[in-house]
Amino acid sequence: MDHYKALEKKWGQIFASMDHRELQKRFSLEEDNQALYITYFQQRYGINKAGEGITLMEDPGRELSFQTVMAIYHLFYYSRPEARIRGEFVPFRLVKRAAPFEAAYQRNILEPLARSFDGHLEELKRACQALGGRPVPQGDVGCVIDAFSCMPLTFVFWDGDEEFRAQANILFDADITDFLHEETVVLVAEELARRLKEEAGLAG
């Protein structure tokens, strides 16, 4: 835990040294003298310009997960100024440079996500709506959900039956690594899984 806190502090200082005005313009962010503000999975966060951390605006006292903090800092640090959404969705294994993490991604994110929603289609549909999901005709439940405004994800779920186990998949824009380090893509997927289960009342 101390290691994670040290990393968060380090990244806060990295953010403090960045060009906040350039970031505000590039991502069309709200700002004031203290912070830049960004929406991540339908929740608004304030990123302190002096490097003193990130705050969930609807619940300022909540301790944020390491994954959430890193995803936000990494978006600002790793995104290229010319980064653009391609509009072509691909599975994780086809994300640039992500293939070495595929086995762990399947085991730690997709398989538990599928088990969580097996037999819970209505709860999943409500969770997708709560996260601003836009339905797509894929799977038993399919929707496009924005992680950040510049980062749409496609979530697809097939419910289990007598012959096949439930399956879940997350598709990413083919150029997502123009916005994030490939390892950070995993953190975004973890956050989507967590928020879907939270909104469905299946967290825990």
N, C-alpha and C. Protein backbone atom coordinates (compact mmCIF):
# COMPACT_ATOMS: atom_id res chain seq x y z
N MET A 1 0.84 -1.21 0.00
CA MET A 1 0.00 0.00 0.00
C MET A 1 0.87 1.26 0.00
N ASP A 2 1.94 1.26 0.80
CA ASP A 2 2.83 2.41 0.82
C ASP A 2 3.46 2.64 -0.55
N HIS A 3 3.76 1.53 -1.23
CA HIS A 3 4.33 1.64 -2.58
C HIS A 3 3.36 2.32 -3.52
N TYR A 4 2.08 1.93 -3.46
CA TYR A 4 1.07 2.54 -4.32
C TYR A 4 0.91 4.02 -4.01
N LYS A 5 0.90 4.37 -2.71
CA LYS A 5 0.77 5.77 -2.33
C LYS A 5 1.95 6.59 -2.82
N ALA A 6 3.14 5.98 -2.77
CA ALA A 6 4.32 6.68 -3.26
C ALA A 6 4.23 6.92 -4.77
N LEU A 7 3.71 5.94 -5.48
CA LEU A 7 3.55 6.11 -6.92
C LEU A 7 2.51 7.19 -7.24
N GLU A 8 1.42 7.19 -6.49
CA GLU A 8 0.40 8.22 -6.71
C GLU A 8 0.99 9.61 -6.47
N LYS A 9 1.78 9.74 -5.42
CA LYS A 9 2.41 11.03 -5.12
C LYS A 9 3.37 11.42 -6.23
N LYS A 10 4.14 10.46 -6.72
CA LYS A 10 5.08 10.72 -7.82
C LYS A 10 4.34 11.23 -9.05
N TRP A 11 3.24 10.55 -9.39
CA TRP A 11 2.50 10.95 -10.58
C TRP A 11 1.78 12.27 -10.37
N GLY A 12 1.40 12.58 -9.15
CA GLY A 12 0.84 13.89 -8.87
C GLY A 12 1.84 14.99 -9.16
N GLN A 13 3.10 14.77 -8.79
CA GLN A 13 4.14 15.76 -9.06
C GLN A 13 4.45 15.85 -10.55
N ILE A 14 4.38 14.73 -11.25
CA ILE A 14 4.55 14.77 -12.71
C ILE A 14 3.45 15.62 -13.33
N PHE A 15 2.22 15.41 -12.86
CA PHE A 15 1.11 16.20 -13.39
C PHE A 15 1.30 17.68 -13.08
N ALA A 16 1.79 18.00 -11.89
CA ALA A 16 1.99 19.39 -11.50
C ALA A 16 2.95 20.11 -12.45
N SER A 17 3.88 19.35 -13.04
CA SER A 17 4.88 19.96 -13.92
C SER A 17 4.41 20.07 -15.37
N MET A 18 3.24 19.55 -15.68
CA MET A 18 2.76 19.56 -17.06
C MET A 18 2.11 20.89 -17.41
N ASP A 19 1.90 21.10 -18.70
CA ASP A 19 1.28 22.33 -19.21
C ASP A 19 -0.23 22.19 -19.08
N HIS A 20 -0.79 22.70 -18.01
CA HIS A 20 -2.22 22.52 -17.74
C HIS A 20 -3.10 23.23 -18.76
N ARG A 21 -2.68 24.35 -19.24
CA ARG A 21 -3.48 25.05 -20.24
C ARG A 21 -3.56 24.24 -21.54
N GLU A 22 -2.45 23.63 -21.91
CA GLU A 22 -2.45 22.81 -23.12
C GLU A 22 -3.36 21.60 -22.93
N LEU A 23 -3.31 20.98 -21.76
CA LEU A 23 -4.17 19.83 -21.49
C LEU A 23 -5.64 20.25 -21.48
N GLN A 24 -5.92 21.41 -20.90
CA GLN A 24 -7.30 21.89 -20.85
C GLN A 24 -7.85 22.06 -22.25
N LYS A 25 -7.06 22.61 -23.14
CA LYS A 25 -7.51 22.82 -24.51
C LYS A 25 -7.63 21.51 -25.28
N ARG A 26 -6.64 20.65 -25.10
CA ARG A 26 -6.63 19.40 -25.86
C ARG A 26 -7.81 18.50 -25.51
N PHE A 27 -8.17 18.44 -24.23
CA PHE A 27 -9.25 17.56 -23.79
C PHE A 27 -10.56 18.30 -23.51
N SER A 28 -10.59 19.60 -23.78
CA SER A 28 -11.80 20.41 -23.57
C SER A 28 -12.31 20.28 -22.13
N LEU A 29 -11.44 20.53 -21.19
CA LEU A 29 -11.74 20.32 -19.78
C LEU A 29 -12.19 21.61 -19.10
N GLU A 30 -13.01 21.45 -18.07
CA GLU A 30 -13.29 22.56 -17.16
C GLU A 30 -12.08 22.73 -16.25
N GLU A 31 -11.86 23.96 -15.80
CA GLU A 31 -10.76 24.19 -14.86
C GLU A 31 -11.06 25.39 -14.00
N ASP A 32 -10.35 25.48 -12.89
CA ASP A 32 -10.31 26.68 -12.07
C ASP A 32 -8.88 26.84 -11.59
N ASN A 33 -8.65 27.70 -10.62
CA ASN A 33 -7.27 27.94 -10.18
C ASN A 33 -6.64 26.73 -9.52
N GLN A 34 -7.47 25.85 -8.96
CA GLN A 34 -6.94 24.71 -8.21
C GLN A 34 -6.81 23.43 -9.02
N ALA A 35 -7.69 23.23 -10.00
CA ALA A 35 -7.77 21.89 -10.59
C ALA A 35 -8.26 21.92 -12.04
N LEU A 36 -7.95 20.83 -12.73
CA LEU A 36 -8.63 20.48 -13.98
C LEU A 36 -9.68 19.43 -13.63
N TYR A 37 -10.77 19.38 -14.40
CA TYR A 37 -11.86 18.46 -14.10
C TYR A 37 -12.13 17.58 -15.30
N ILE A 38 -12.26 16.28 -15.04
CA ILE A 38 -12.48 15.33 -16.12
C ILE A 38 -13.53 14.30 -15.69
N THR A 39 -14.28 13.81 -16.65
CA THR A 39 -15.29 12.77 -16.38
C THR A 39 -14.73 11.42 -16.80
N TYR A 40 -14.81 10.47 -15.88
CA TYR A 40 -14.31 9.11 -16.10
C TYR A 40 -15.42 8.14 -15.71
N PHE A 41 -15.95 7.43 -16.70
CA PHE A 41 -17.10 6.54 -16.47
C PHE A 41 -18.22 7.23 -15.70
N GLN A 42 -18.62 8.40 -16.21
CA GLN A 42 -19.77 9.14 -15.69
C GLN A 42 -19.56 9.75 -14.30
N GLN A 43 -18.33 9.76 -13.82
CA GLN A 43 -18.04 10.40 -12.56
C GLN A 43 -17.03 11.52 -12.77
N ARG A 44 -17.25 12.65 -12.12
CA ARG A 44 -16.42 13.84 -12.33
C ARG A 44 -15.30 13.89 -11.28
N TYR A 45 -14.08 14.07 -11.75
CA TYR A 45 -12.91 14.10 -10.89
C TYR A 45 -12.19 15.43 -11.03
N GLY A 46 -11.63 15.91 -9.92
CA GLY A 46 -10.78 17.10 -9.94
C GLY A 46 -9.34 16.68 -9.75
N ILE A 47 -8.46 17.14 -10.66
CA ILE A 47 -7.04 16.81 -10.59
C ILE A 47 -6.30 18.05 -10.13
N ASN A 48 -5.77 18.01 -8.93
CA ASN A 48 -5.14 19.17 -8.32
C ASN A 48 -3.90 19.59 -9.11
N LYS A 49 -3.84 20.87 -9.47
CA LYS A 49 -2.74 21.36 -10.30
C LYS A 49 -1.40 21.39 -9.56
N ALA A 50 -1.46 21.43 -8.23
CA ALA A 50 -0.22 21.45 -7.45
C ALA A 50 0.29 20.05 -7.15
N GLY A 51 -0.37 19.04 -7.71
CA GLY A 51 0.09 17.66 -7.51
C GLY A 51 -0.38 17.04 -6.23
N GLU A 52 -1.47 17.58 -5.64
CA GLU A 52 -1.92 17.09 -4.34
C GLU A 52 -3.03 16.05 -4.44
N GLY A 53 -3.16 15.41 -5.60
CA GLY A 53 -4.05 14.28 -5.71
C GLY A 53 -5.28 14.54 -6.56
N ILE A 54 -6.11 13.51 -6.64
CA ILE A 54 -7.33 13.51 -7.44
C ILE A 54 -8.51 13.30 -6.50
N THR A 55 -9.60 14.03 -6.76
CA THR A 55 -10.78 13.98 -5.90
C THR A 55 -12.01 13.61 -6.71
N LEU A 56 -12.81 12.69 -6.20
CA LEU A 56 -14.12 12.39 -6.78
C LEU A 56 -15.07 13.47 -6.30
N MET A 57 -15.58 14.28 -7.21
CA MET A 57 -16.29 15.48 -6.82
C MET A 57 -17.60 15.18 -6.09
N GLU A 58 -18.26 14.09 -6.42
CA GLU A 58 -19.53 13.78 -5.74
C GLU A 58 -19.31 13.20 -4.35
N ASP A 59 -18.08 12.77 -4.05
CA ASP A 59 -17.78 12.20 -2.74
C ASP A 59 -16.32 12.51 -2.41
N PRO A 60 -16.01 13.76 -2.06
CA PRO A 60 -14.62 14.19 -1.91
C PRO A 60 -13.81 13.40 -0.89
N GLY A 61 -14.47 12.79 0.06
CA GLY A 61 -13.73 12.06 1.08
C GLY A 61 -13.38 10.63 0.70
N ARG A 62 -13.90 10.16 -0.42
CA ARG A 62 -13.66 8.76 -0.78
C ARG A 62 -12.21 8.55 -1.21
N GLU A 63 -11.61 7.47 -0.73
CA GLU A 63 -10.27 7.11 -1.16
C GLU A 63 -10.37 6.40 -2.51
N LEU A 64 -9.70 6.93 -3.50
CA LEU A 64 -9.79 6.38 -4.85
C LEU A 64 -8.87 5.18 -5.00
N SER A 65 -9.27 4.28 -5.89
CA SER A 65 -8.43 3.12 -6.17
C SER A 65 -7.18 3.55 -6.93
N PHE A 66 -6.13 2.78 -6.76
CA PHE A 66 -4.88 3.03 -7.48
C PHE A 66 -5.13 3.01 -8.99
N GLN A 67 -5.99 2.08 -9.44
CA GLN A 67 -6.28 1.95 -10.87
C GLN A 67 -6.91 3.22 -11.43
N THR A 68 -7.84 3.80 -10.68
CA THR A 68 -8.50 5.03 -11.13
C THR A 68 -7.51 6.17 -11.24
N VAL A 69 -6.71 6.35 -10.20
CA VAL A 69 -5.74 7.45 -10.17
C VAL A 69 -4.74 7.32 -11.32
N MET A 70 -4.23 6.12 -11.54
CA MET A 70 -3.23 5.94 -12.60
C MET A 70 -3.84 6.14 -13.99
N ALA A 71 -5.05 5.67 -14.19
CA ALA A 71 -5.68 5.84 -15.51
C ALA A 71 -5.81 7.31 -15.86
N ILE A 72 -6.19 8.13 -14.89
CA ILE A 72 -6.36 9.56 -15.16
C ILE A 72 -5.01 10.24 -15.40
N TYR A 73 -4.06 10.01 -14.53
CA TYR A 73 -2.74 10.62 -14.74
C TYR A 73 -2.11 10.14 -16.05
N HIS A 74 -2.24 8.86 -16.35
CA HIS A 74 -1.61 8.32 -17.56
C HIS A 74 -2.24 8.87 -18.83
N LEU A 75 -3.54 9.15 -18.79
CA LEU A 75 -4.17 9.76 -19.96
C LEU A 75 -3.46 11.07 -20.31
N PHE A 76 -3.21 11.90 -19.31
CA PHE A 76 -2.56 13.18 -19.57
C PHE A 76 -1.10 13.00 -19.98
N TYR A 77 -0.43 12.01 -19.41
CA TYR A 77 1.01 11.86 -19.65
C TYR A 77 1.30 11.16 -20.98
N TYR A 78 0.56 10.10 -21.29
CA TYR A 78 0.89 9.28 -22.45
C TYR A 78 0.18 9.70 -23.73
N SER A 79 -0.91 10.45 -23.64
CA SER A 79 -1.64 10.78 -24.86
C SER A 79 -0.80 11.68 -25.77
N ARG A 80 -0.85 11.37 -27.04
CA ARG A 80 -0.14 12.17 -28.02
C ARG A 80 -1.00 13.38 -28.38
N PRO A 81 -0.39 14.53 -28.61
CA PRO A 81 -1.18 15.71 -28.97
C PRO A 81 -2.07 15.50 -30.19
N GLU A 82 -1.61 14.65 -31.11
CA GLU A 82 -2.37 14.42 -32.35
C GLU A 82 -3.29 13.20 -32.24
N ALA A 83 -3.44 12.61 -31.06
CA ALA A 83 -4.24 11.39 -30.91
C ALA A 83 -5.69 11.62 -31.32
N ARG A 84 -6.23 10.64 -32.06
CA ARG A 84 -7.60 10.70 -32.52
C ARG A 84 -8.22 9.30 -32.43
N ILE A 85 -9.52 9.26 -32.21
CA ILE A 85 -10.24 7.99 -32.22
C ILE A 85 -10.34 7.49 -33.65
N ARG A 86 -9.99 6.22 -33.89
CA ARG A 86 -10.10 5.68 -35.23
C ARG A 86 -11.53 5.26 -35.56
N GLY A 87 -12.26 4.79 -34.54
CA GLY A 87 -13.63 4.34 -34.77
C GLY A 87 -13.73 2.88 -35.13
N GLU A 88 -12.63 2.16 -35.02
CA GLU A 88 -12.60 0.70 -35.27
C GLU A 88 -12.33 0.00 -33.95
N PHE A 89 -13.25 -0.86 -33.53
CA PHE A 89 -13.11 -1.54 -32.25
C PHE A 89 -12.46 -2.90 -32.42
N VAL A 90 -11.51 -3.20 -31.53
CA VAL A 90 -10.77 -4.47 -31.60
C VAL A 90 -10.71 -5.09 -30.22
N PRO A 91 -10.57 -6.43 -30.15
CA PRO A 91 -10.38 -7.08 -28.85
C PRO A 91 -9.01 -6.74 -28.27
N PHE A 92 -8.84 -7.00 -26.99
CA PHE A 92 -7.61 -6.62 -26.30
C PHE A 92 -6.37 -7.18 -26.98
N ARG A 93 -6.44 -8.40 -27.45
CA ARG A 93 -5.24 -9.02 -28.03
C ARG A 93 -4.74 -8.28 -29.26
N LEU A 94 -5.61 -7.48 -29.90
CA LEU A 94 -5.20 -6.72 -31.08
C LEU A 94 -4.85 -5.27 -30.77
N VAL A 95 -4.95 -4.87 -29.52
CA VAL A 95 -4.46 -3.55 -29.11
C VAL A 95 -2.94 -3.56 -29.26
N LYS A 96 -2.40 -2.50 -29.79
CA LYS A 96 -0.96 -2.45 -30.05
C LYS A 96 -0.16 -2.73 -28.78
N ARG A 97 0.74 -3.70 -28.89
CA ARG A 97 1.70 -4.06 -27.83
C ARG A 97 1.05 -4.69 -26.61
N ALA A 98 -0.24 -5.04 -26.69
CA ALA A 98 -0.94 -5.58 -25.51
C ALA A 98 -0.93 -7.10 -25.44
N ALA A 99 -0.56 -7.78 -26.50
CA ALA A 99 -0.66 -9.24 -26.55
C ALA A 99 0.00 -9.96 -25.37
N PRO A 100 1.17 -9.50 -24.86
CA PRO A 100 1.78 -10.22 -23.73
C PRO A 100 0.91 -10.26 -22.47
N PHE A 101 -0.06 -9.37 -22.37
CA PHE A 101 -0.91 -9.30 -21.18
C PHE A 101 -2.24 -10.01 -21.37
N GLU A 102 -2.43 -10.65 -22.53
CA GLU A 102 -3.74 -11.21 -22.87
C GLU A 102 -4.21 -12.28 -21.88
N ALA A 103 -3.34 -13.22 -21.54
CA ALA A 103 -3.76 -14.32 -20.65
C ALA A 103 -4.22 -13.78 -19.30
N ALA A 104 -3.45 -12.88 -18.72
CA ALA A 104 -3.83 -12.32 -17.42
C ALA A 104 -5.10 -11.48 -17.54
N TYR A 105 -5.25 -10.78 -18.65
CA TYR A 105 -6.45 -9.97 -18.88
C TYR A 105 -7.70 -10.85 -18.92
N GLN A 106 -7.61 -11.96 -19.63
CA GLN A 106 -8.74 -12.89 -19.70
C GLN A 106 -9.06 -13.46 -18.33
N ARG A 107 -8.04 -13.89 -17.62
CA ARG A 107 -8.21 -14.57 -16.33
C ARG A 107 -8.71 -13.62 -15.24
N ASN A 108 -8.20 -12.39 -15.23
CA ASN A 108 -8.46 -11.49 -14.12
C ASN A 108 -9.61 -10.52 -14.35
N ILE A 109 -10.01 -10.32 -15.61
CA ILE A 109 -11.06 -9.35 -15.90
C ILE A 109 -12.25 -9.98 -16.60
N LEU A 110 -12.05 -10.55 -17.78
CA LEU A 110 -13.20 -11.03 -18.56
C LEU A 110 -13.90 -12.23 -17.93
N GLU A 111 -13.15 -13.20 -17.44
CA GLU A 111 -13.79 -14.39 -16.88
C GLU A 111 -14.58 -14.06 -15.60
N PRO A 112 -14.02 -13.30 -14.65
CA PRO A 112 -14.82 -12.92 -13.49
C PRO A 112 -16.02 -12.05 -13.85
N LEU A 113 -15.87 -11.20 -14.87
CA LEU A 113 -16.98 -10.36 -15.30
C LEU A 113 -18.11 -11.20 -15.85
N ALA A 114 -17.77 -12.20 -16.65
CA ALA A 114 -18.79 -13.10 -17.19
C ALA A 114 -19.51 -13.86 -16.09
N ARG A 115 -18.77 -14.34 -15.10
CA ARG A 115 -19.40 -15.07 -14.00
C ARG A 115 -20.32 -14.16 -13.20
N SER A 116 -19.93 -12.92 -13.01
CA SER A 116 -20.73 -11.99 -12.21
C SER A 116 -22.10 -11.76 -12.82
N PHE A 117 -22.17 -11.67 -14.16
CA PHE A 117 -23.42 -11.32 -14.81
C PHE A 117 -24.17 -12.51 -15.39
N ASP A 118 -23.66 -13.71 -15.18
CA ASP A 118 -24.36 -14.90 -15.64
C ASP A 118 -25.75 -14.96 -14.99
N GLY A 119 -26.79 -14.91 -15.80
CA GLY A 119 -28.15 -14.94 -15.28
C GLY A 119 -28.66 -13.60 -14.76
N HIS A 120 -27.94 -12.53 -15.06
CA HIS A 120 -28.33 -11.20 -14.55
C HIS A 120 -28.42 -10.19 -15.68
N LEU A 121 -29.14 -10.52 -16.73
CA LEU A 121 -29.22 -9.64 -17.89
C LEU A 121 -29.88 -8.30 -17.56
N GLU A 122 -30.95 -8.34 -16.81
CA GLU A 122 -31.65 -7.08 -16.52
C GLU A 122 -30.78 -6.15 -15.68
N GLU A 123 -30.08 -6.70 -14.71
CA GLU A 123 -29.18 -5.88 -13.90
C GLU A 123 -28.08 -5.28 -14.77
N LEU A 124 -27.58 -6.07 -15.71
CA LEU A 124 -26.54 -5.58 -16.61
C LEU A 124 -27.05 -4.46 -17.50
N LYS A 125 -28.26 -4.61 -18.03
CA LYS A 125 -28.82 -3.56 -18.88
C LYS A 125 -28.96 -2.26 -18.09
N ARG A 126 -29.41 -2.36 -16.84
CA ARG A 126 -29.54 -1.15 -16.02
C ARG A 126 -28.17 -0.52 -15.75
N ALA A 127 -27.16 -1.36 -15.52
CA ALA A 127 -25.82 -0.85 -15.27
C ALA A 127 -25.27 -0.13 -16.49
N CYS A 128 -25.50 -0.70 -17.66
CA CYS A 128 -25.04 -0.06 -18.90
C CYS A 128 -25.70 1.31 -19.07
N GLN A 129 -26.99 1.38 -18.79
CA GLN A 129 -27.69 2.66 -18.90
C GLN A 129 -27.14 3.67 -17.91
N ALA A 130 -26.85 3.22 -16.69
CA ALA A 130 -26.33 4.12 -15.66
C ALA A 130 -24.98 4.70 -16.04
N LEU A 131 -24.22 3.97 -16.86
CA LEU A 131 -22.91 4.44 -17.31
C LEU A 131 -22.98 5.15 -18.66
N GLY A 132 -24.20 5.49 -19.07
CA GLY A 132 -24.37 6.22 -20.32
C GLY A 132 -24.18 5.37 -21.55
N GLY A 133 -24.37 4.05 -21.42
CA GLY A 133 -24.15 3.14 -22.53
C GLY A 133 -25.13 3.35 -23.68
N ARG A 134 -24.62 3.23 -24.90
CA ARG A 134 -25.43 3.33 -26.11
C ARG A 134 -25.55 1.94 -26.71
N PRO A 135 -26.75 1.37 -26.78
CA PRO A 135 -26.92 -0.03 -27.19
C PRO A 135 -26.39 -0.29 -28.60
N VAL A 136 -25.79 -1.47 -28.76
CA VAL A 136 -25.36 -1.96 -30.08
C VAL A 136 -25.87 -3.38 -30.23
N PRO A 137 -26.15 -3.81 -31.47
CA PRO A 137 -26.72 -5.14 -31.69
C PRO A 137 -25.67 -6.25 -31.67
N GLN A 138 -25.06 -6.43 -30.51
CA GLN A 138 -24.07 -7.50 -30.33
C GLN A 138 -24.36 -8.22 -29.03
N GLY A 139 -24.22 -9.54 -29.03
CA GLY A 139 -24.42 -10.33 -27.82
C GLY A 139 -25.84 -10.25 -27.30
N ASP A 140 -26.04 -10.76 -26.08
CA ASP A 140 -27.34 -10.60 -25.41
C ASP A 140 -27.49 -9.19 -24.85
N VAL A 141 -26.38 -8.60 -24.46
CA VAL A 141 -26.33 -7.18 -24.09
C VAL A 141 -25.06 -6.62 -24.72
N GLY A 142 -25.21 -5.53 -25.43
CA GLY A 142 -24.06 -4.86 -26.03
C GLY A 142 -24.24 -3.36 -25.97
N CYS A 143 -23.18 -2.64 -25.62
CA CYS A 143 -23.29 -1.19 -25.57
C CYS A 143 -21.92 -0.54 -25.69
N VAL A 144 -21.94 0.69 -26.15
CA VAL A 144 -20.73 1.51 -26.19
C VAL A 144 -20.77 2.44 -24.97
N ILE A 145 -19.71 2.39 -24.18
CA ILE A 145 -19.60 3.19 -22.97
C ILE A 145 -18.33 4.02 -23.06
N ASP A 146 -18.42 5.30 -22.76
CA ASP A 146 -17.24 6.15 -22.77
C ASP A 146 -16.50 6.05 -21.44
N ALA A 147 -15.23 5.66 -21.51
CA ALA A 147 -14.39 5.75 -20.32
C ALA A 147 -14.12 7.24 -20.07
N PHE A 148 -13.38 7.86 -20.96
CA PHE A 148 -13.27 9.30 -21.06
C PHE A 148 -14.02 9.72 -22.32
N SER A 149 -14.23 11.01 -22.50
CA SER A 149 -14.95 11.46 -23.70
C SER A 149 -14.21 11.10 -24.97
N CYS A 150 -12.90 10.93 -24.87
CA CYS A 150 -12.09 10.57 -26.03
C CYS A 150 -11.85 9.07 -26.13
N MET A 151 -12.54 8.26 -25.32
CA MET A 151 -12.19 6.84 -25.22
C MET A 151 -13.43 5.95 -25.11
N PRO A 152 -14.12 5.69 -26.24
CA PRO A 152 -15.26 4.78 -26.21
C PRO A 152 -14.80 3.32 -26.11
N LEU A 153 -15.55 2.52 -25.36
CA LEU A 153 -15.34 1.07 -25.26
C LEU A 153 -16.63 0.38 -25.65
N THR A 154 -16.52 -0.77 -26.28
CA THR A 154 -17.71 -1.58 -26.57
C THR A 154 -17.71 -2.80 -25.65
N PHE A 155 -18.76 -2.92 -24.86
CA PHE A 155 -18.91 -4.06 -23.95
C PHE A 155 -19.95 -5.00 -24.53
N VAL A 156 -19.62 -6.30 -24.61
CA VAL A 156 -20.52 -7.30 -25.17
C VAL A 156 -20.60 -8.48 -24.20
N PHE A 157 -21.84 -8.93 -23.94
CA PHE A 157 -22.05 -10.04 -23.01
C PHE A 157 -23.01 -11.05 -23.60
N TRP A 158 -22.64 -12.33 -23.48
CA TRP A 158 -23.51 -13.44 -23.87
C TRP A 158 -23.84 -14.23 -22.61
N ASP A 159 -25.11 -14.40 -22.31
CA ASP A 159 -25.51 -15.14 -21.12
C ASP A 159 -25.25 -16.62 -21.30
N GLY A 160 -25.04 -17.31 -20.20
CA GLY A 160 -24.79 -18.75 -20.27
C GLY A 160 -26.08 -19.55 -20.45
N ASP A 161 -25.95 -20.77 -20.97
CA ASP A 161 -27.08 -21.69 -21.09
C ASP A 161 -26.57 -23.11 -20.85
N GLU A 162 -27.37 -24.10 -21.24
CA GLU A 162 -26.99 -25.50 -20.98
C GLU A 162 -25.73 -25.91 -21.74
N GLU A 163 -25.46 -25.25 -22.85
CA GLU A 163 -24.34 -25.67 -23.70
C GLU A 163 -23.10 -24.80 -23.53
N PHE A 164 -23.30 -23.50 -23.28
CA PHE A 164 -22.16 -22.59 -23.27
C PHE A 164 -22.14 -21.76 -21.99
N ARG A 165 -20.93 -21.53 -21.50
CA ARG A 165 -20.76 -20.65 -20.35
C ARG A 165 -20.97 -19.20 -20.77
N ALA A 166 -21.33 -18.35 -19.81
CA ALA A 166 -21.44 -16.92 -20.09
C ALA A 166 -20.08 -16.38 -20.55
N GLN A 167 -20.13 -15.41 -21.44
CA GLN A 167 -18.91 -14.80 -21.96
C GLN A 167 -19.06 -13.28 -21.96
N ALA A 168 -17.97 -12.61 -21.68
CA ALA A 168 -17.93 -11.15 -21.74
C ALA A 168 -16.73 -10.73 -22.56
N ASN A 169 -16.87 -9.61 -23.25
CA ASN A 169 -15.73 -9.07 -23.99
C ASN A 169 -15.79 -7.55 -23.95
N ILE A 170 -14.64 -6.94 -23.98
CA ILE A 170 -14.51 -5.49 -24.08
C ILE A 170 -13.67 -5.19 -25.31
N LEU A 171 -14.21 -4.36 -26.19
CA LEU A 171 -13.51 -3.97 -27.40
C LEU A 171 -13.04 -2.53 -27.26
N PHE A 172 -11.85 -2.27 -27.77
CA PHE A 172 -11.21 -0.97 -27.60
C PHE A 172 -10.99 -0.32 -28.97
N ASP A 173 -10.96 1.01 -28.98
CA ASP A 173 -10.60 1.67 -30.23
C ASP A 173 -9.20 1.22 -30.64
N ALA A 174 -9.03 0.99 -31.93
CA ALA A 174 -7.76 0.43 -32.43
C ALA A 174 -6.57 1.34 -32.12
N ASP A 175 -6.81 2.62 -31.88
CA ASP A 175 -5.72 3.55 -31.59
C ASP A 175 -5.72 4.00 -30.13
N ILE A 176 -6.25 3.18 -29.24
CA ILE A 176 -6.32 3.57 -27.83
C ILE A 176 -4.93 3.82 -27.24
N THR A 177 -3.90 3.14 -27.76
CA THR A 177 -2.56 3.34 -27.21
C THR A 177 -1.93 4.65 -27.70
N ASP A 178 -2.64 5.43 -28.50
CA ASP A 178 -2.23 6.81 -28.74
C ASP A 178 -2.64 7.70 -27.56
N PHE A 179 -3.51 7.17 -26.71
CA PHE A 179 -3.98 7.90 -25.53
C PHE A 179 -3.40 7.35 -24.23
N LEU A 180 -3.13 6.05 -24.18
CA LEU A 180 -2.70 5.40 -22.94
C LEU A 180 -1.56 4.43 -23.22
N HIS A 181 -0.76 4.17 -22.21
CA HIS A 181 0.18 3.05 -22.26
C HIS A 181 -0.62 1.76 -22.32
N GLU A 182 -0.10 0.76 -23.02
CA GLU A 182 -0.87 -0.48 -23.20
C GLU A 182 -1.20 -1.16 -21.87
N GLU A 183 -0.33 -1.05 -20.87
CA GLU A 183 -0.66 -1.65 -19.58
C GLU A 183 -1.79 -0.89 -18.88
N THR A 184 -1.92 0.39 -19.15
CA THR A 184 -2.98 1.17 -18.55
C THR A 184 -4.34 0.81 -19.13
N VAL A 185 -4.36 0.29 -20.34
CA VAL A 185 -5.63 -0.17 -20.94
C VAL A 185 -6.28 -1.21 -20.03
N VAL A 186 -5.46 -2.04 -19.39
CA VAL A 186 -5.98 -3.05 -18.46
C VAL A 186 -6.66 -2.36 -17.28
N LEU A 187 -6.09 -1.27 -16.79
CA LEU A 187 -6.69 -0.56 -15.66
C LEU A 187 -8.05 0.02 -16.03
N VAL A 188 -8.18 0.51 -17.27
CA VAL A 188 -9.46 1.03 -17.74
C VAL A 188 -10.49 -0.09 -17.81
N ALA A 189 -10.08 -1.26 -18.29
CA ALA A 189 -11.00 -2.40 -18.35
C ALA A 189 -11.42 -2.83 -16.95
N GLU A 190 -10.48 -2.81 -16.00
CA GLU A 190 -10.81 -3.14 -14.61
C GLU A 190 -11.83 -2.16 -14.05
N GLU A 191 -11.67 -0.89 -14.39
CA GLU A 191 -12.61 0.11 -13.89
C GLU A 191 -14.00 -0.09 -14.48
N LEU A 192 -14.06 -0.42 -15.77
CA LEU A 192 -15.36 -0.70 -16.39
C LEU A 192 -16.03 -1.88 -15.70
N ALA A 193 -15.29 -2.94 -15.47
CA ALA A 193 -15.85 -4.11 -14.80
C ALA A 193 -16.35 -3.76 -13.40
N ARG A 194 -15.56 -2.99 -12.66
CA ARG A 194 -15.95 -2.60 -11.31
C ARG A 194 -17.21 -1.74 -11.32
N ARG A 195 -17.26 -0.77 -12.22
CA ARG A 195 -18.41 0.13 -12.26
C ARG A 195 -19.68 -0.59 -12.70
N LEU A 196 -19.56 -1.50 -13.67
CA LEU A 196 -20.74 -2.26 -14.09
C LEU A 196 -21.30 -3.07 -12.93
N LYS A 197 -20.44 -3.77 -12.20
CA LYS A 197 -20.91 -4.57 -11.07
C LYS A 197 -21.46 -3.67 -9.96
N GLU A 198 -20.86 -2.54 -9.75
CA GLU A 198 -21.33 -1.60 -8.74
C GLU A 198 -22.72 -1.10 -9.08
N GLU A 199 -22.91 -0.67 -10.33
CA GLU A 199 -24.21 -0.13 -10.76
C GLU A 199 -25.27 -1.21 -10.80
N ALA A 200 -24.87 -2.46 -11.01
CA ALA A 200 -25.83 -3.56 -11.05
C ALA A 200 -26.16 -4.09 -9.66
N GLY A 201 -25.47 -3.60 -8.65
CA GLY A 201 -25.68 -4.13 -7.29
C GLY A 201 -25.05 -5.49 -7.09
N LEU A 202 -24.02 -5.80 -7.87
CA LEU A 202 -23.39 -7.10 -7.78
C LEU A 202 -21.94 -6.99 -7.32
N ALA A 203 -21.56 -5.83 -6.82
CA ALA A 203 -20.19 -5.65 -6.36
C ALA A 203 -19.95 -6.44 -5.09
N GLY A 204 -18.67 -6.79 -4.91
CA GLY A 204 -18.34 -7.51 -3.69
C GLY A 204 -17.67 -8.83 -3.97
